[in-house]
N, C-alpha and C. Protein backbone atom coordinates (compact mmCIF):
# COMPACT_ATOMS: atom_id res chain seq x y z
N MET A 1 -44.51 -39.21 -100.06
CA MET A 1 -45.32 -37.85 -100.07
C MET A 1 -46.05 -37.78 -101.70
N LYS A 2 -45.24 -38.35 -102.60
CA LYS A 2 -45.72 -38.52 -104.17
C LYS A 2 -47.06 -39.68 -104.15
N LYS A 3 -46.71 -40.56 -103.39
CA LYS A 3 -47.84 -41.62 -103.49
C LYS A 3 -49.05 -41.15 -102.66
N LEU A 4 -49.04 -40.26 -101.58
CA LEU A 4 -50.09 -39.73 -100.90
C LEU A 4 -50.71 -38.87 -101.67
N PHE A 5 -50.17 -38.16 -102.40
CA PHE A 5 -50.82 -37.06 -103.31
C PHE A 5 -51.61 -38.02 -104.44
N THR A 6 -50.97 -38.84 -105.12
CA THR A 6 -51.47 -39.46 -106.19
C THR A 6 -52.94 -40.39 -105.64
N GLY A 7 -52.66 -40.81 -104.25
CA GLY A 7 -53.87 -41.48 -103.80
C GLY A 7 -54.86 -40.52 -103.69
N ALA A 8 -54.69 -39.45 -103.07
CA ALA A 8 -55.54 -38.52 -102.69
C ALA A 8 -56.42 -37.83 -103.83
N ALA A 9 -55.66 -37.67 -104.95
CA ALA A 9 -55.79 -37.17 -106.16
C ALA A 9 -57.04 -38.30 -106.90
N LEU A 10 -56.66 -39.55 -106.89
CA LEU A 10 -57.41 -40.46 -107.14
C LEU A 10 -58.60 -40.72 -106.53
N PHE A 11 -58.67 -40.58 -105.01
CA PHE A 11 -60.07 -40.49 -104.24
C PHE A 11 -60.69 -39.64 -104.80
N CYS A 12 -60.15 -38.25 -105.18
CA CYS A 12 -61.16 -36.96 -105.45
C CYS A 12 -61.89 -37.38 -106.76
N VAL A 13 -60.92 -37.91 -107.67
CA VAL A 13 -61.53 -38.22 -109.04
C VAL A 13 -62.78 -39.21 -108.96
N LEU A 14 -62.48 -40.32 -108.18
CA LEU A 14 -63.29 -41.46 -108.07
C LEU A 14 -64.57 -41.10 -107.14
N SER A 15 -64.48 -40.19 -106.25
CA SER A 15 -65.64 -39.92 -105.26
C SER A 15 -66.45 -38.78 -105.77
N ALA A 16 -65.88 -38.05 -106.69
CA ALA A 16 -66.50 -36.78 -106.91
C ALA A 16 -67.98 -37.15 -107.68
N PRO A 17 -68.07 -38.15 -108.52
CA PRO A 17 -69.47 -38.63 -108.77
C PRO A 17 -70.36 -38.73 -107.87
N LEU A 18 -69.92 -39.59 -106.78
CA LEU A 18 -70.73 -40.08 -105.82
C LEU A 18 -71.34 -38.79 -105.10
N PHE A 19 -70.30 -37.74 -104.52
CA PHE A 19 -70.72 -36.90 -103.81
C PHE A 19 -71.65 -35.87 -104.76
N ALA A 20 -71.51 -35.86 -106.11
CA ALA A 20 -72.27 -35.15 -107.02
C ALA A 20 -73.64 -35.59 -106.78
N ALA A 21 -73.80 -36.85 -107.02
CA ALA A 21 -75.14 -37.54 -106.94
C ALA A 21 -75.88 -37.15 -105.82
N ASP A 22 -75.12 -37.49 -104.48
CA ASP A 22 -75.69 -37.27 -103.23
C ASP A 22 -76.18 -35.78 -103.20
N LYS A 23 -75.51 -34.84 -103.69
CA LYS A 23 -75.92 -33.21 -103.84
C LYS A 23 -77.10 -33.10 -104.55
N GLN A 24 -77.27 -33.89 -105.77
CA GLN A 24 -78.34 -33.78 -106.64
C GLN A 24 -79.52 -34.30 -106.13
N SER A 25 -79.42 -35.61 -105.45
CA SER A 25 -80.65 -36.00 -104.67
C SER A 25 -81.17 -35.11 -103.72
N ALA A 26 -79.97 -34.58 -102.85
CA ALA A 26 -80.43 -33.58 -101.67
C ALA A 26 -81.37 -32.47 -102.41
N ALA A 27 -80.69 -32.01 -103.41
CA ALA A 27 -81.25 -30.89 -103.98
C ALA A 27 -82.88 -30.97 -104.49
N ALA A 28 -82.99 -32.24 -105.00
CA ALA A 28 -84.19 -32.63 -105.86
C ALA A 28 -85.31 -32.81 -104.59
N GLU A 29 -84.81 -33.28 -103.13
CA GLU A 29 -85.78 -33.41 -102.24
C GLU A 29 -86.07 -32.10 -101.69
N ASN A 30 -85.17 -31.16 -101.65
CA ASN A 30 -85.44 -29.97 -101.36
C ASN A 30 -86.15 -28.89 -102.00
N ASN A 31 -86.03 -29.05 -103.42
CA ASN A 31 -86.66 -28.26 -104.33
C ASN A 31 -87.62 -28.76 -104.89
N ALA A 32 -88.83 -28.26 -105.09
CA ALA A 32 -90.02 -28.38 -105.83
C ALA A 32 -89.57 -28.25 -107.39
N CYS A 33 -90.41 -29.46 -108.20
CA CYS A 33 -90.28 -29.14 -109.68
C CYS A 33 -90.85 -27.97 -109.99
N SER A 34 -90.59 -27.61 -111.15
CA SER A 34 -90.96 -26.16 -111.47
C SER A 34 -91.46 -26.42 -113.22
N GLY A 35 -92.19 -25.64 -113.82
CA GLY A 35 -92.44 -25.51 -115.08
C GLY A 35 -93.61 -26.62 -115.38
N ILE A 36 -93.30 -27.28 -116.64
CA ILE A 36 -94.43 -28.30 -117.11
C ILE A 36 -94.45 -29.43 -116.32
N VAL A 37 -93.32 -30.25 -115.70
CA VAL A 37 -93.55 -31.31 -115.00
C VAL A 37 -93.51 -30.70 -113.56
N THR A 38 -94.38 -31.45 -112.66
CA THR A 38 -94.73 -31.14 -111.55
C THR A 38 -94.24 -32.39 -110.54
N GLU A 39 -94.26 -32.24 -109.05
CA GLU A 39 -93.72 -33.27 -108.29
C GLU A 39 -94.83 -34.34 -108.35
N ALA A 40 -96.07 -34.16 -108.77
CA ALA A 40 -96.95 -35.29 -108.78
C ALA A 40 -96.78 -36.37 -109.64
N ALA A 41 -96.28 -37.46 -109.12
CA ALA A 41 -95.80 -38.54 -109.86
C ALA A 41 -96.60 -38.98 -110.85
N ASP A 42 -98.16 -39.01 -110.42
CA ASP A 42 -99.08 -39.53 -111.23
C ASP A 42 -99.46 -38.59 -112.44
N ARG A 43 -98.97 -37.49 -112.46
CA ARG A 43 -99.21 -36.31 -113.68
C ARG A 43 -97.86 -36.18 -114.44
N MET A 44 -96.95 -37.15 -114.31
CA MET A 44 -95.56 -36.81 -114.83
C MET A 44 -95.85 -36.69 -116.65
N TYR A 45 -96.75 -37.42 -116.96
CA TYR A 45 -96.77 -37.60 -118.56
C TYR A 45 -98.00 -36.54 -118.92
N ASP A 46 -98.32 -35.50 -118.39
CA ASP A 46 -99.38 -34.93 -118.74
C ASP A 46 -98.80 -33.91 -119.87
N PHE A 47 -97.59 -33.65 -119.89
CA PHE A 47 -97.10 -32.83 -121.00
C PHE A 47 -97.09 -33.61 -122.34
N LYS A 48 -97.10 -34.87 -122.35
CA LYS A 48 -97.07 -35.41 -123.51
C LYS A 48 -98.53 -35.51 -124.38
N MET A 49 -99.58 -35.19 -123.86
CA MET A 49 -101.15 -35.19 -124.29
C MET A 49 -100.98 -34.33 -125.56
N GLY A 50 -101.71 -34.91 -126.58
CA GLY A 50 -102.00 -34.05 -127.96
C GLY A 50 -101.37 -34.86 -129.10
N ASN A 51 -101.13 -34.20 -130.16
CA ASN A 51 -100.36 -34.40 -131.47
C ASN A 51 -99.19 -33.83 -131.36
N TRP A 52 -98.30 -34.82 -131.98
CA TRP A 52 -96.88 -34.31 -131.97
C TRP A 52 -96.20 -34.88 -133.63
N ASP A 53 -95.45 -33.93 -133.99
CA ASP A 53 -94.68 -34.26 -135.03
C ASP A 53 -93.45 -34.62 -134.49
N ILE A 54 -92.70 -35.72 -134.97
CA ILE A 54 -91.44 -36.21 -134.33
C ILE A 54 -90.33 -36.29 -135.22
N ASN A 55 -89.16 -35.81 -134.85
CA ASN A 55 -88.08 -35.92 -135.62
C ASN A 55 -86.88 -36.96 -135.19
N TRP A 56 -86.98 -38.06 -135.55
CA TRP A 56 -85.88 -39.28 -134.99
C TRP A 56 -84.70 -38.98 -135.43
N ARG A 57 -83.52 -39.42 -134.84
CA ARG A 57 -82.19 -39.39 -135.08
C ARG A 57 -81.93 -40.95 -134.28
N ASN A 58 -81.55 -41.86 -134.80
CA ASN A 58 -81.24 -43.17 -134.31
C ASN A 58 -79.61 -43.17 -134.45
N LYS A 59 -78.97 -43.96 -133.50
CA LYS A 59 -77.53 -44.14 -133.85
C LYS A 59 -77.38 -45.59 -133.94
N ALA A 60 -76.65 -46.12 -134.98
CA ALA A 60 -76.38 -47.19 -135.54
C ALA A 60 -75.10 -47.74 -134.83
N GLY A 61 -75.11 -49.35 -134.58
CA GLY A 61 -73.73 -49.73 -134.04
C GLY A 61 -72.54 -49.30 -134.70
N SER A 62 -72.63 -48.84 -136.04
CA SER A 62 -71.36 -48.30 -136.45
C SER A 62 -70.92 -46.80 -136.44
N GLY A 63 -72.05 -46.15 -135.66
CA GLY A 63 -71.80 -44.98 -135.34
C GLY A 63 -72.47 -43.88 -136.35
N THR A 64 -73.10 -44.41 -137.39
CA THR A 64 -73.93 -43.62 -138.36
C THR A 64 -75.36 -43.51 -137.59
N PHE A 65 -76.02 -42.48 -138.33
CA PHE A 65 -77.42 -42.19 -137.62
C PHE A 65 -78.45 -42.47 -138.91
N SER A 66 -79.50 -42.91 -138.03
CA SER A 66 -80.60 -42.80 -139.27
C SER A 66 -81.74 -41.82 -138.87
N GLU A 67 -82.09 -40.84 -139.60
CA GLU A 67 -82.97 -39.74 -139.28
C GLU A 67 -84.22 -40.04 -139.97
N PHE A 68 -85.46 -39.70 -139.39
CA PHE A 68 -86.80 -39.97 -139.95
C PHE A 68 -87.74 -39.36 -139.20
N THR A 69 -88.92 -39.26 -139.88
CA THR A 69 -90.01 -38.58 -139.03
C THR A 69 -91.29 -39.35 -138.67
N ALA A 70 -91.99 -39.11 -137.81
CA ALA A 70 -92.97 -39.76 -137.34
C ALA A 70 -93.89 -38.78 -136.94
N VAL A 71 -95.27 -39.42 -136.51
CA VAL A 71 -96.45 -38.62 -135.96
C VAL A 71 -96.80 -39.32 -134.63
N SER A 72 -97.23 -38.65 -133.65
CA SER A 72 -97.64 -39.12 -132.38
C SER A 72 -98.79 -38.56 -131.75
N THR A 73 -99.64 -39.39 -131.54
CA THR A 73 -100.86 -38.84 -130.73
C THR A 73 -101.02 -39.64 -129.41
N VAL A 74 -101.28 -38.85 -128.46
CA VAL A 74 -101.32 -39.18 -127.05
C VAL A 74 -102.51 -38.75 -126.31
N PHE A 75 -103.25 -39.68 -125.79
CA PHE A 75 -104.48 -39.34 -125.13
C PHE A 75 -104.64 -40.36 -123.97
N SER A 76 -105.68 -39.82 -122.91
CA SER A 76 -106.04 -40.71 -121.82
C SER A 76 -107.59 -41.45 -121.83
N LYS A 77 -107.33 -42.31 -121.31
CA LYS A 77 -108.46 -43.24 -120.85
C LYS A 77 -108.73 -43.47 -119.53
N MET A 78 -109.84 -43.97 -118.91
CA MET A 78 -110.22 -44.53 -117.67
C MET A 78 -109.97 -43.33 -116.66
N ASP A 79 -110.56 -42.27 -117.05
CA ASP A 79 -110.25 -40.93 -115.99
C ASP A 79 -108.83 -40.56 -116.15
N GLY A 80 -107.90 -40.95 -116.89
CA GLY A 80 -106.52 -40.31 -116.70
C GLY A 80 -105.77 -41.46 -116.42
N ASP A 81 -106.26 -42.55 -115.80
CA ASP A 81 -105.62 -43.66 -115.34
C ASP A 81 -104.61 -44.52 -116.25
N ILE A 82 -105.01 -44.27 -117.56
CA ILE A 82 -104.24 -44.89 -118.69
C ILE A 82 -103.91 -43.88 -119.74
N LEU A 83 -102.56 -43.87 -120.23
CA LEU A 83 -102.36 -42.95 -121.33
C LEU A 83 -101.89 -43.88 -122.36
N ILE A 84 -102.30 -43.52 -123.61
CA ILE A 84 -101.95 -44.17 -124.79
C ILE A 84 -101.32 -43.22 -125.96
N ASP A 85 -100.18 -43.78 -126.13
CA ASP A 85 -99.32 -43.07 -127.30
C ASP A 85 -99.28 -43.85 -128.50
N ASP A 86 -99.71 -43.42 -129.55
CA ASP A 86 -99.60 -44.16 -130.90
C ASP A 86 -98.69 -43.40 -131.66
N GLN A 87 -97.81 -44.10 -132.43
CA GLN A 87 -96.65 -43.57 -133.26
C GLN A 87 -96.39 -43.99 -134.48
N VAL A 88 -96.43 -43.24 -135.67
CA VAL A 88 -96.55 -43.68 -136.92
C VAL A 88 -95.52 -43.07 -137.53
N ALA A 89 -94.58 -44.13 -138.19
CA ALA A 89 -93.43 -43.47 -139.21
C ALA A 89 -93.58 -44.51 -140.66
N GLU A 90 -92.85 -44.13 -141.46
CA GLU A 90 -92.94 -44.74 -142.66
C GLU A 90 -92.31 -46.14 -142.50
N THR A 91 -91.44 -46.15 -141.61
CA THR A 91 -90.58 -47.59 -141.33
C THR A 91 -91.40 -48.34 -140.25
N PHE A 92 -92.11 -47.58 -139.32
CA PHE A 92 -92.76 -48.45 -137.93
C PHE A 92 -93.73 -47.97 -137.72
N LYS A 93 -94.57 -48.60 -136.88
CA LYS A 93 -95.86 -47.94 -136.06
C LYS A 93 -95.94 -48.94 -134.82
N GLY A 94 -96.44 -48.18 -133.79
CA GLY A 94 -96.61 -48.89 -132.67
C GLY A 94 -97.24 -48.04 -131.67
N ILE A 95 -97.41 -48.63 -130.59
CA ILE A 95 -98.23 -47.90 -129.32
C ILE A 95 -97.61 -48.26 -128.06
N THR A 96 -97.73 -47.02 -127.19
CA THR A 96 -97.16 -47.17 -125.73
C THR A 96 -98.31 -47.18 -124.78
N PHE A 97 -98.63 -48.22 -123.92
CA PHE A 97 -99.69 -47.96 -122.78
C PHE A 97 -98.72 -47.68 -121.57
N ARG A 98 -99.49 -46.69 -120.90
CA ARG A 98 -98.81 -46.28 -119.68
C ARG A 98 -99.94 -46.12 -118.40
N THR A 99 -99.66 -46.84 -117.31
CA THR A 99 -100.73 -46.80 -116.23
C THR A 99 -99.79 -46.39 -114.97
N TYR A 100 -100.53 -45.64 -114.01
CA TYR A 100 -99.73 -45.25 -112.91
C TYR A 100 -100.08 -46.29 -111.83
N ASP A 101 -99.23 -46.93 -111.06
CA ASP A 101 -99.22 -47.72 -109.95
C ASP A 101 -98.88 -46.96 -108.71
N ALA A 102 -100.27 -46.61 -108.02
CA ALA A 102 -100.16 -45.70 -106.92
C ALA A 102 -99.52 -46.29 -105.72
N GLY A 103 -99.23 -47.77 -105.62
CA GLY A 103 -98.79 -48.30 -104.37
C GLY A 103 -97.36 -48.10 -104.72
N LYS A 104 -96.69 -48.25 -105.70
CA LYS A 104 -95.18 -48.24 -105.90
C LYS A 104 -94.92 -46.73 -106.36
N LYS A 105 -95.93 -46.05 -106.50
CA LYS A 105 -95.52 -44.54 -106.95
C LYS A 105 -94.69 -44.69 -108.21
N GLU A 106 -95.10 -45.32 -109.19
CA GLU A 106 -94.17 -45.32 -110.40
C GLU A 106 -95.27 -46.00 -111.55
N TRP A 107 -94.83 -45.59 -112.54
CA TRP A 107 -95.65 -46.08 -114.01
C TRP A 107 -95.13 -47.50 -114.52
N VAL A 108 -96.18 -48.10 -114.88
CA VAL A 108 -95.89 -49.24 -115.62
C VAL A 108 -96.08 -48.87 -117.28
N VAL A 109 -95.21 -49.11 -117.87
CA VAL A 109 -95.19 -48.81 -119.38
C VAL A 109 -94.84 -50.07 -120.38
N ARG A 110 -95.59 -50.13 -121.25
CA ARG A 110 -95.40 -51.15 -122.35
C ARG A 110 -95.49 -50.59 -123.73
N TRP A 111 -94.24 -50.69 -124.51
CA TRP A 111 -94.20 -50.26 -125.90
C TRP A 111 -94.60 -51.69 -126.91
N LEU A 112 -95.22 -51.46 -127.73
CA LEU A 112 -95.74 -52.58 -128.42
C LEU A 112 -95.60 -52.24 -130.10
N PRO A 113 -94.47 -52.54 -130.89
CA PRO A 113 -94.36 -52.30 -132.06
C PRO A 113 -95.54 -53.30 -132.75
N ALA A 114 -96.24 -52.64 -133.84
CA ALA A 114 -97.06 -53.34 -134.56
C ALA A 114 -96.51 -54.51 -135.44
N GLY A 115 -97.28 -55.73 -135.22
CA GLY A 115 -96.54 -57.10 -135.66
C GLY A 115 -95.65 -57.67 -134.98
N SER A 116 -95.60 -57.20 -133.63
CA SER A 116 -94.67 -57.89 -132.66
C SER A 116 -95.23 -58.23 -131.51
N THR A 117 -94.60 -59.16 -130.65
CA THR A 117 -95.05 -59.62 -129.39
C THR A 117 -94.02 -59.21 -128.35
N PHE A 118 -93.11 -58.60 -128.76
CA PHE A 118 -92.21 -57.98 -127.54
C PHE A 118 -92.58 -56.70 -127.11
N ALA A 119 -92.70 -56.97 -125.79
CA ALA A 119 -93.15 -55.74 -124.88
C ALA A 119 -92.52 -55.87 -123.51
N PRO A 120 -91.36 -55.15 -123.75
CA PRO A 120 -90.42 -55.27 -122.28
C PRO A 120 -91.12 -54.71 -121.17
N ASN A 121 -90.77 -55.12 -120.05
CA ASN A 121 -91.50 -54.64 -118.66
C ASN A 121 -90.65 -53.34 -118.44
N ILE A 122 -91.43 -52.17 -118.41
CA ILE A 122 -90.61 -50.96 -118.25
C ILE A 122 -91.27 -50.18 -117.17
N SER A 123 -90.32 -49.65 -116.16
CA SER A 123 -90.88 -48.72 -115.11
C SER A 123 -90.33 -47.30 -115.46
N ALA A 124 -91.21 -46.66 -114.58
CA ALA A 124 -90.96 -44.87 -114.93
C ALA A 124 -91.56 -44.28 -113.66
N LYS A 125 -90.57 -43.45 -113.29
CA LYS A 125 -90.70 -42.36 -112.34
C LYS A 125 -89.94 -41.22 -112.27
N LEU A 126 -90.15 -40.13 -111.74
CA LEU A 126 -89.46 -39.07 -111.61
C LEU A 126 -88.23 -39.25 -111.02
N GLU A 127 -87.27 -38.63 -111.69
CA GLU A 127 -85.89 -38.49 -111.03
C GLU A 127 -85.41 -37.28 -111.11
N ASN A 128 -85.34 -36.59 -110.14
CA ASN A 128 -84.78 -35.34 -109.93
C ASN A 128 -85.71 -34.30 -111.07
N CYS A 129 -87.15 -34.55 -110.94
CA CYS A 129 -88.17 -33.90 -111.71
C CYS A 129 -87.98 -34.22 -113.08
N VAL A 130 -87.20 -35.22 -113.51
CA VAL A 130 -87.38 -35.77 -115.02
C VAL A 130 -87.92 -36.96 -115.18
N PRO A 131 -88.96 -36.89 -115.98
CA PRO A 131 -89.50 -38.49 -116.23
C PRO A 131 -88.49 -39.35 -116.71
N VAL A 132 -88.13 -40.53 -116.01
CA VAL A 132 -87.34 -41.64 -116.59
C VAL A 132 -88.05 -42.91 -116.61
N GLU A 133 -87.77 -43.51 -117.78
CA GLU A 133 -88.06 -44.96 -117.75
C GLU A 133 -86.84 -45.97 -118.02
N ARG A 134 -87.02 -47.01 -117.43
CA ARG A 134 -86.13 -48.05 -117.27
C ARG A 134 -86.54 -49.43 -117.61
N HIS A 135 -85.53 -50.31 -118.27
CA HIS A 135 -85.94 -51.40 -118.69
C HIS A 135 -84.80 -52.33 -119.15
N GLU A 136 -84.59 -53.62 -119.26
CA GLU A 136 -83.48 -54.47 -119.92
C GLU A 136 -84.11 -54.89 -121.04
N GLN A 137 -83.27 -55.08 -122.20
CA GLN A 137 -83.61 -55.62 -123.26
C GLN A 137 -82.36 -56.39 -123.98
N MET A 138 -82.46 -57.29 -124.85
CA MET A 138 -81.44 -57.68 -125.48
C MET A 138 -80.96 -56.66 -126.53
N ALA A 139 -79.74 -56.98 -126.63
CA ALA A 139 -78.85 -56.14 -127.74
C ALA A 139 -78.36 -56.79 -128.65
N ARG A 140 -77.81 -56.28 -129.86
CA ARG A 140 -77.11 -57.16 -130.77
C ARG A 140 -75.95 -57.88 -130.11
N GLY A 141 -75.76 -58.95 -130.74
CA GLY A 141 -74.71 -59.84 -130.30
C GLY A 141 -74.99 -60.48 -128.91
N GLY A 142 -76.37 -60.48 -128.55
CA GLY A 142 -76.90 -61.58 -127.35
C GLY A 142 -76.50 -61.03 -125.93
N LYS A 143 -76.21 -59.54 -126.04
CA LYS A 143 -75.82 -59.18 -124.68
C LYS A 143 -77.14 -58.41 -124.08
N MET A 144 -77.22 -58.85 -122.85
CA MET A 144 -78.41 -57.85 -122.18
C MET A 144 -78.12 -56.45 -122.13
N ALA A 145 -78.98 -55.46 -122.37
CA ALA A 145 -78.50 -53.79 -122.19
C ALA A 145 -79.67 -53.23 -121.05
N LYS A 146 -79.02 -52.53 -120.33
CA LYS A 146 -79.98 -51.67 -119.19
C LYS A 146 -80.03 -50.56 -120.33
N VAL A 147 -81.65 -50.21 -120.24
CA VAL A 147 -81.77 -48.92 -121.12
C VAL A 147 -82.58 -48.02 -120.26
N ARG A 148 -82.20 -46.87 -120.32
CA ARG A 148 -82.68 -45.54 -119.55
C ARG A 148 -83.18 -44.45 -120.53
N THR A 149 -84.43 -44.39 -120.51
CA THR A 149 -85.15 -43.19 -121.37
C THR A 149 -85.45 -41.99 -120.58
N SER A 150 -85.23 -40.83 -120.94
CA SER A 150 -85.46 -39.61 -120.22
C SER A 150 -86.11 -38.73 -121.27
N PHE A 151 -86.98 -37.82 -120.62
CA PHE A 151 -87.75 -36.80 -121.54
C PHE A 151 -87.13 -35.35 -120.80
N THR A 152 -86.53 -34.80 -121.64
CA THR A 152 -86.00 -33.49 -121.04
C THR A 152 -86.36 -32.13 -122.13
N ASN A 153 -86.04 -30.95 -121.58
CA ASN A 153 -86.19 -29.73 -122.43
C ASN A 153 -87.69 -29.73 -122.61
N ILE A 154 -88.60 -30.02 -121.76
CA ILE A 154 -90.14 -30.02 -121.84
C ILE A 154 -90.48 -28.55 -121.76
N THR A 155 -91.25 -28.21 -122.79
CA THR A 155 -92.09 -26.78 -122.72
C THR A 155 -93.61 -27.27 -123.22
N ALA A 156 -94.35 -26.55 -123.29
CA ALA A 156 -95.65 -26.59 -123.67
C ALA A 156 -95.62 -26.95 -125.20
N ASP A 157 -94.84 -26.81 -126.00
CA ASP A 157 -94.93 -27.08 -127.33
C ASP A 157 -93.84 -27.82 -127.95
N ARG A 158 -92.92 -28.57 -126.95
CA ARG A 158 -91.97 -29.38 -127.53
C ARG A 158 -91.20 -30.03 -126.37
N PHE A 159 -90.51 -31.45 -126.68
CA PHE A 159 -89.80 -32.16 -125.63
C PHE A 159 -88.93 -32.83 -126.43
N GLU A 160 -87.81 -33.35 -125.77
CA GLU A 160 -86.87 -34.33 -126.45
C GLU A 160 -87.04 -35.71 -125.57
N PHE A 161 -86.66 -36.63 -126.34
CA PHE A 161 -86.58 -38.17 -125.97
C PHE A 161 -85.27 -38.67 -125.94
N HIS A 162 -84.58 -39.12 -125.08
CA HIS A 162 -83.11 -39.53 -125.00
C HIS A 162 -83.38 -41.06 -124.70
N GLN A 163 -82.57 -42.00 -125.30
CA GLN A 163 -82.69 -43.37 -124.84
C GLN A 163 -81.03 -43.78 -124.70
N ASP A 164 -80.69 -44.01 -123.53
CA ASP A 164 -79.18 -44.52 -123.51
C ASP A 164 -79.14 -45.94 -123.12
N TRP A 165 -78.08 -46.57 -123.67
CA TRP A 165 -77.90 -48.11 -123.36
C TRP A 165 -76.61 -48.36 -122.52
N SER A 166 -76.66 -49.30 -121.71
CA SER A 166 -75.47 -49.56 -121.16
C SER A 166 -75.39 -51.12 -121.18
N LEU A 167 -74.04 -51.77 -121.67
CA LEU A 167 -74.01 -53.07 -121.91
C LEU A 167 -72.93 -53.49 -120.66
N ASP A 168 -72.81 -52.89 -119.82
CA ASP A 168 -72.04 -53.25 -118.69
C ASP A 168 -72.67 -52.75 -117.21
N GLU A 169 -73.78 -53.36 -117.27
CA GLU A 169 -74.66 -53.05 -115.96
C GLU A 169 -74.50 -51.82 -115.20
N GLY A 170 -74.37 -50.67 -116.25
CA GLY A 170 -74.60 -49.27 -115.65
C GLY A 170 -73.38 -48.69 -115.56
N GLU A 171 -72.07 -49.22 -115.84
CA GLU A 171 -70.89 -48.51 -115.72
C GLU A 171 -70.77 -47.44 -116.45
N THR A 172 -71.02 -47.76 -117.57
CA THR A 172 -70.92 -46.61 -118.72
C THR A 172 -71.98 -46.66 -119.63
N TRP A 173 -72.32 -45.63 -120.25
CA TRP A 173 -73.63 -45.51 -121.19
C TRP A 173 -73.32 -44.98 -122.40
N ILE A 174 -74.03 -45.79 -123.62
CA ILE A 174 -73.83 -45.17 -124.77
C ILE A 174 -75.17 -44.25 -124.98
N GLU A 175 -74.95 -42.86 -125.04
CA GLU A 175 -76.03 -41.99 -125.23
C GLU A 175 -76.48 -41.85 -126.49
N ASP A 176 -77.93 -41.56 -126.22
CA ASP A 176 -78.68 -41.25 -127.60
C ASP A 176 -78.77 -42.32 -128.40
N VAL A 177 -78.94 -43.42 -127.95
CA VAL A 177 -78.94 -44.51 -129.02
C VAL A 177 -80.27 -44.44 -130.01
N LEU A 178 -81.41 -44.01 -129.03
CA LEU A 178 -82.52 -43.70 -129.76
C LEU A 178 -82.86 -42.12 -129.37
N TYR A 179 -83.22 -41.17 -130.13
CA TYR A 179 -83.41 -39.86 -129.82
C TYR A 179 -84.36 -39.35 -130.68
N TYR A 180 -85.33 -38.43 -130.02
CA TYR A 180 -86.27 -37.77 -131.10
C TYR A 180 -86.45 -36.35 -130.35
N GLU A 181 -86.87 -35.49 -131.11
CA GLU A 181 -87.45 -34.12 -130.70
C GLU A 181 -88.91 -34.28 -131.19
N ALA A 182 -89.90 -33.63 -130.26
CA ALA A 182 -91.20 -33.69 -130.57
C ALA A 182 -91.66 -32.32 -130.35
N VAL A 183 -92.40 -31.92 -131.60
CA VAL A 183 -92.92 -30.43 -131.53
C VAL A 183 -94.48 -30.84 -131.63
N ARG A 184 -95.15 -29.89 -130.92
CA ARG A 184 -96.54 -30.12 -130.78
C ARG A 184 -97.14 -29.62 -132.18
N GLN A 185 -98.08 -30.29 -132.77
CA GLN A 185 -98.62 -29.81 -134.01
C GLN A 185 -99.79 -28.67 -133.74
N LYS A 186 -99.85 -27.67 -134.48
CA LYS A 186 -100.71 -26.54 -134.25
C LYS A 186 -102.10 -27.00 -134.91
N GLY A 187 -102.98 -26.31 -134.39
CA GLY A 187 -104.33 -26.45 -134.37
C GLY A 187 -104.98 -27.55 -133.83
């Protein structure tokens, strides 16, 4: 009887995330997005348009944090088919290009730091009404990392950027390896 109870408890613990994920997916399919981000996947980055003050908080491998500020300007070209996001800080500057692939119903994203040729292939789409970007890149120590970036707590005047890394094919995630809060500039 004890083995049966232990097995049932283990099943409940292991399967709970699966059922929760199914429940979230079903809820997302049945409920329309509300607020700033809408169900229109080709418009999911509209909230970023404008000028922003950025407060970065990056996690180092040692668990310490590096904090600094940046300024970002986001604008569209080609009738809104391309979004350009430039970001300048004291320690770096770079540009992000985003274009919508209507056939795949997802965005193609490229981040290119100044002075670098590194531009990972990033795809992005709405996941439960949250803009999410995904790619893989080399981490310290030569391991490939799965990288998941999400934009949350979006209002007309602020949003948060969370970049999580997994070094074990998505089994576990190191949260907020890169993080910032953006506040829209006044005027």
